Amino acid sequence: MSRAGHRCEGAVFLVWGRCKEAATEADHVYPHARSGPTVPSNGQALCRGHNKNKGAMRPPWWYLLSLEHRRRSYFPAGADVRVFATMSDSEIQARAAALEKKFPR
């Protein structure tokens, strides 16, 4: 939520504009119900309306392109704006370490 400035990241006005509503819900860009990972690179901040309309839809290529385009205007300079449907090696290792800590063998 904070990296989005607590504002919805949903698209308006031909996908390049940004919703003016407050972000009230965290969402998986690639839906968790469709094996999307729970990692920051697959997250987005949405208002209730955008989240409800999106549902468990897999995003088309143009949605990802427009989201990454919008993020360049409000993410901190140098921050990675890309959306990934997979976990990085460091995220996989961090998840394994957290699971091992929670459920030791």
C-alpha atoms as a PDB file:
ATOM      1  CA  MET A   1       0.000   0.000   0.000  1.00  0.00           C
ATOM      2  CA  SER A   2       2.759   2.436   0.898  1.00  0.00           C
ATOM      3  CA  ARG A   3       4.663   2.038  -2.377  1.00  0.00           C
ATOM      4  CA  ALA A   4       1.425   2.999  -4.175  1.00  0.00           C
ATOM      5  CA  GLY A   5       0.958   6.023  -1.934  1.00  0.00           C
ATOM      6  CA  HIS A   6      -2.186   4.403  -0.474  1.00  0.00           C
ATOM      7  CA  ARG A   7      -3.960   5.106  -3.766  1.00  0.00           C
ATOM      8  CA  CYS A   8      -5.576   2.564  -6.081  1.00  0.00           C
ATOM      9  CA  GLU A   9      -3.306   1.312  -8.869  1.00  0.00           C
ATOM     10  CA  GLY A  10      -6.278   0.471 -11.099  1.00  0.00           C
ATOM     11  CA  ALA A  11      -6.529   1.923 -14.586  1.00  0.00           C
ATOM     12  CA  VAL A  12      -8.873   4.607 -15.844  1.00  0.00           C
ATOM     13  CA  PHE A  13      -9.056   6.575 -19.094  1.00  0.00           C
ATOM     14  CA  LEU A  14      -7.822   4.117 -21.706  1.00  0.00           C
ATOM     15  CA  VAL A  15      -5.605   2.183 -19.230  1.00  0.00           C
ATOM     16  CA  TRP A  16      -2.912   4.895 -18.929  1.00  0.00           C
ATOM     17  CA  GLY A  17      -4.705   6.957 -16.289  1.00  0.00           C
ATOM     18  CA  ARG A  18      -4.791   6.015 -12.613  1.00  0.00           C
ATOM     19  CA  CYS A  19      -7.814   5.602 -10.341  1.00  0.00           C
ATOM     20  CA  LYS A  20      -8.284   8.467  -7.852  1.00  0.00           C
ATOM     21  CA  GLU A  21      -9.775   6.262  -5.077  1.00  0.00           C
ATOM     22  CA  ALA A  22      -7.950   5.241  -1.900  1.00  0.00           C
ATOM     23  CA  ALA A  23      -6.368   1.790  -1.962  1.00  0.00           C
ATOM     24  CA  THR A  24      -8.239  -0.328   0.557  1.00  0.00           C
ATOM     25  CA  GLU A  25      -7.324  -3.839  -0.620  1.00  0.00           C
ATOM     26  CA  ALA A  26      -4.105  -5.665  -1.445  1.00  0.00           C
ATOM     27  CA  ASP A  27      -4.388  -7.877  -4.519  1.00  0.00           C
ATOM     28  CA  HIS A  28      -2.345 -10.425  -6.455  1.00  0.00           C
ATOM     29  CA  VAL A  29      -1.787  -9.224 -10.036  1.00  0.00           C
ATOM     30  CA  TYR A  30      -1.540 -12.889 -11.069  1.00  0.00           C
ATOM     31  CA  PRO A  31      -4.295 -14.371  -8.875  1.00  0.00           C
ATOM     32  CA  HIS A  32      -3.306 -16.563  -5.945  1.00  0.00           C
ATOM     33  CA  ALA A  33      -6.203 -18.857  -6.899  1.00  0.00           C
ATOM     34  CA  ARG A  34      -4.391 -19.438 -10.206  1.00  0.00           C
ATOM     35  CA  SER A  35      -0.968 -20.107  -8.637  1.00  0.00           C
ATOM     36  CA  GLY A  36       0.197 -16.488  -8.492  1.00  0.00           C
ATOM     37  CA  PRO A  37       2.889 -16.112  -5.821  1.00  0.00           C
ATOM     38  CA  THR A  38       2.450 -13.972  -2.722  1.00  0.00           C
ATOM     39  CA  VAL A  39       5.457 -11.693  -3.269  1.00  0.00           C
ATOM     40  CA  PRO A  40       5.766  -7.897  -3.581  1.00  0.00           C
ATOM     41  CA  SER A  41       6.452  -8.069  -7.332  1.00  0.00           C
ATOM     42  CA  ASN A  42       3.034  -9.721  -7.805  1.00  0.00           C
ATOM     43  CA  GLY A  43       1.130  -7.305  -5.580  1.00  0.00           C
ATOM     44  CA  GLN A  44      -0.961  -4.258  -6.278  1.00  0.00           C
ATOM     45  CA  ALA A  45      -3.014  -1.858  -4.192  1.00  0.00           C
ATOM     46  CA  LEU A  46      -6.609  -1.542  -5.363  1.00  0.00           C
ATOM     47  CA  CYS A  47      -9.842   0.156  -4.333  1.00  0.00           C
ATOM     48  CA  ARG A  48     -12.769  -2.105  -3.554  1.00  0.00           C
ATOM     49  CA  GLY A  49     -14.378  -1.556  -6.972  1.00  0.00           C
ATOM     50  CA  HIS A  50     -11.299  -2.440  -9.023  1.00  0.00           C
ATOM     51  CA  ASN A  51     -10.567  -5.491  -6.881  1.00  0.00           C
ATOM     52  CA  LYS A  52     -14.157  -6.722  -7.193  1.00  0.00           C
ATOM     53  CA  ASN A  53     -14.167  -6.242 -10.975  1.00  0.00           C
ATOM     54  CA  LYS A  54     -10.821  -7.985 -11.418  1.00  0.00           C
ATOM     55  CA  GLY A  55     -11.694 -11.098  -9.434  1.00  0.00           C
ATOM     56  CA  ALA A  56      -9.489 -14.081 -10.312  1.00  0.00           C
ATOM     57  CA  MET A  57      -8.819 -12.842 -13.862  1.00  0.00           C
ATOM     58  CA  ARG A  58      -5.374 -13.485 -15.294  1.00  0.00           C
ATOM     59  CA  PRO A  59      -4.083 -10.142 -16.511  1.00  0.00           C
ATOM     60  CA  PRO A  60      -3.647  -9.637 -20.254  1.00  0.00           C
ATOM     61  CA  TRP A  61      -0.296  -8.321 -21.503  1.00  0.00           C
ATOM     62  CA  TRP A  62      -1.624  -4.788 -21.983  1.00  0.00           C
ATOM     63  CA  TYR A  63      -2.761  -4.624 -18.332  1.00  0.00           C
ATOM     64  CA  LEU A  64       0.763  -5.418 -17.141  1.00  0.00           C
ATOM     65  CA  LEU A  65       2.253  -2.887 -19.540  1.00  0.00           C
ATOM     66  CA  SER A  66      -0.115  -0.154 -18.357  1.00  0.00           C
ATOM     67  CA  LEU A  67       0.421  -0.964 -14.653  1.00  0.00           C
ATOM     68  CA  GLU A  68       4.199  -0.823 -15.060  1.00  0.00           C
ATOM     69  CA  HIS A  69       3.845   2.433 -17.023  1.00  0.00           C
ATOM     70  CA  ARG A  70       1.730   4.040 -14.273  1.00  0.00           C
ATOM     71  CA  ARG A  71       4.099   2.847 -11.543  1.00  0.00           C
ATOM     72  CA  ARG A  72       7.000   4.775 -13.074  1.00  0.00           C
ATOM     73  CA  SER A  73       5.237   7.986 -12.036  1.00  0.00           C
ATOM     74  CA  TYR A  74       4.835   7.171  -8.332  1.00  0.00           C
ATOM     75  CA  PHE A  75       7.295   4.436  -7.331  1.00  0.00           C
ATOM     76  CA  PRO A  76      10.564   5.729  -5.840  1.00  0.00           C
ATOM     77  CA  ALA A  77      13.325   6.438  -8.361  1.00  0.00           C
ATOM     78  CA  GLY A  78      15.214   3.259  -9.181  1.00  0.00           C
ATOM     79  CA  ALA A  79      12.481   0.944  -7.841  1.00  0.00           C
ATOM     80  CA  ASP A  80      11.582  -2.052  -9.983  1.00  0.00           C
ATOM     81  CA  VAL A  81       8.092  -1.511 -11.438  1.00  0.00           C
ATOM     82  CA  ARG A  82       7.872  -4.904 -13.156  1.00  0.00           C
ATOM     83  CA  VAL A  83       5.261  -7.540 -12.285  1.00  0.00           C
ATOM     84  CA  PHE A  84       6.413 -11.136 -11.979  1.00  0.00           C
ATOM     85  CA  ALA A  85       4.292 -14.285 -11.870  1.00  0.00           C
ATOM     86  CA  THR A  86       7.160 -16.280 -10.416  1.00  0.00           C
ATOM     87  CA  MET A  87       9.282 -16.057  -7.304  1.00  0.00           C
ATOM     88  CA  SER A  88      12.922 -14.964  -7.526  1.00  0.00           C
ATOM     89  CA  ASP A  89      15.650 -17.203  -6.112  1.00  0.00           C
ATOM     90  CA  SER A  90      15.986 -14.964  -3.053  1.00  0.00           C
ATOM     91  CA  GLU A  91      12.200 -15.079  -2.474  1.00  0.00           C
ATOM     92  CA  ILE A  92      12.227 -18.878  -2.754  1.00  0.00           C
ATOM     93  CA  GLN A  93      15.072 -19.084  -0.228  1.00  0.00           C
ATOM     94  CA  ALA A  94      13.372 -16.648   2.162  1.00  0.00           C
ATOM     95  CA  ARG A  95      10.117 -18.613   1.961  1.00  0.00           C
ATOM     96  CA  ALA A  96      11.920 -21.901   2.607  1.00  0.00           C
ATOM     97  CA  ALA A  97      13.701 -20.384   5.617  1.00  0.00           C
ATOM     98  CA  ALA A  98      10.432 -19.023   7.012  1.00  0.00           C
ATOM     99  CA  LEU A  99       8.705 -22.383   6.575  1.00  0.00           C
ATOM    100  CA  GLU A 100      11.622 -24.202   8.214  1.00  0.00           C
ATOM    101  CA  LYS A 101      11.453 -21.815  11.154  1.00  0.00           C
ATOM    102  CA  LYS A 102       7.687 -22.245  11.490  1.00  0.00           C
ATOM    103  CA  PHE A 103       7.661 -26.021  10.890  1.00  0.00           C
ATOM    104  CA  PRO A 104      11.069 -27.431  11.922  1.00  0.00           C
ATOM    105  CA  ARG A 105      11.811 -30.989  10.862  1.00  0.00           C
END
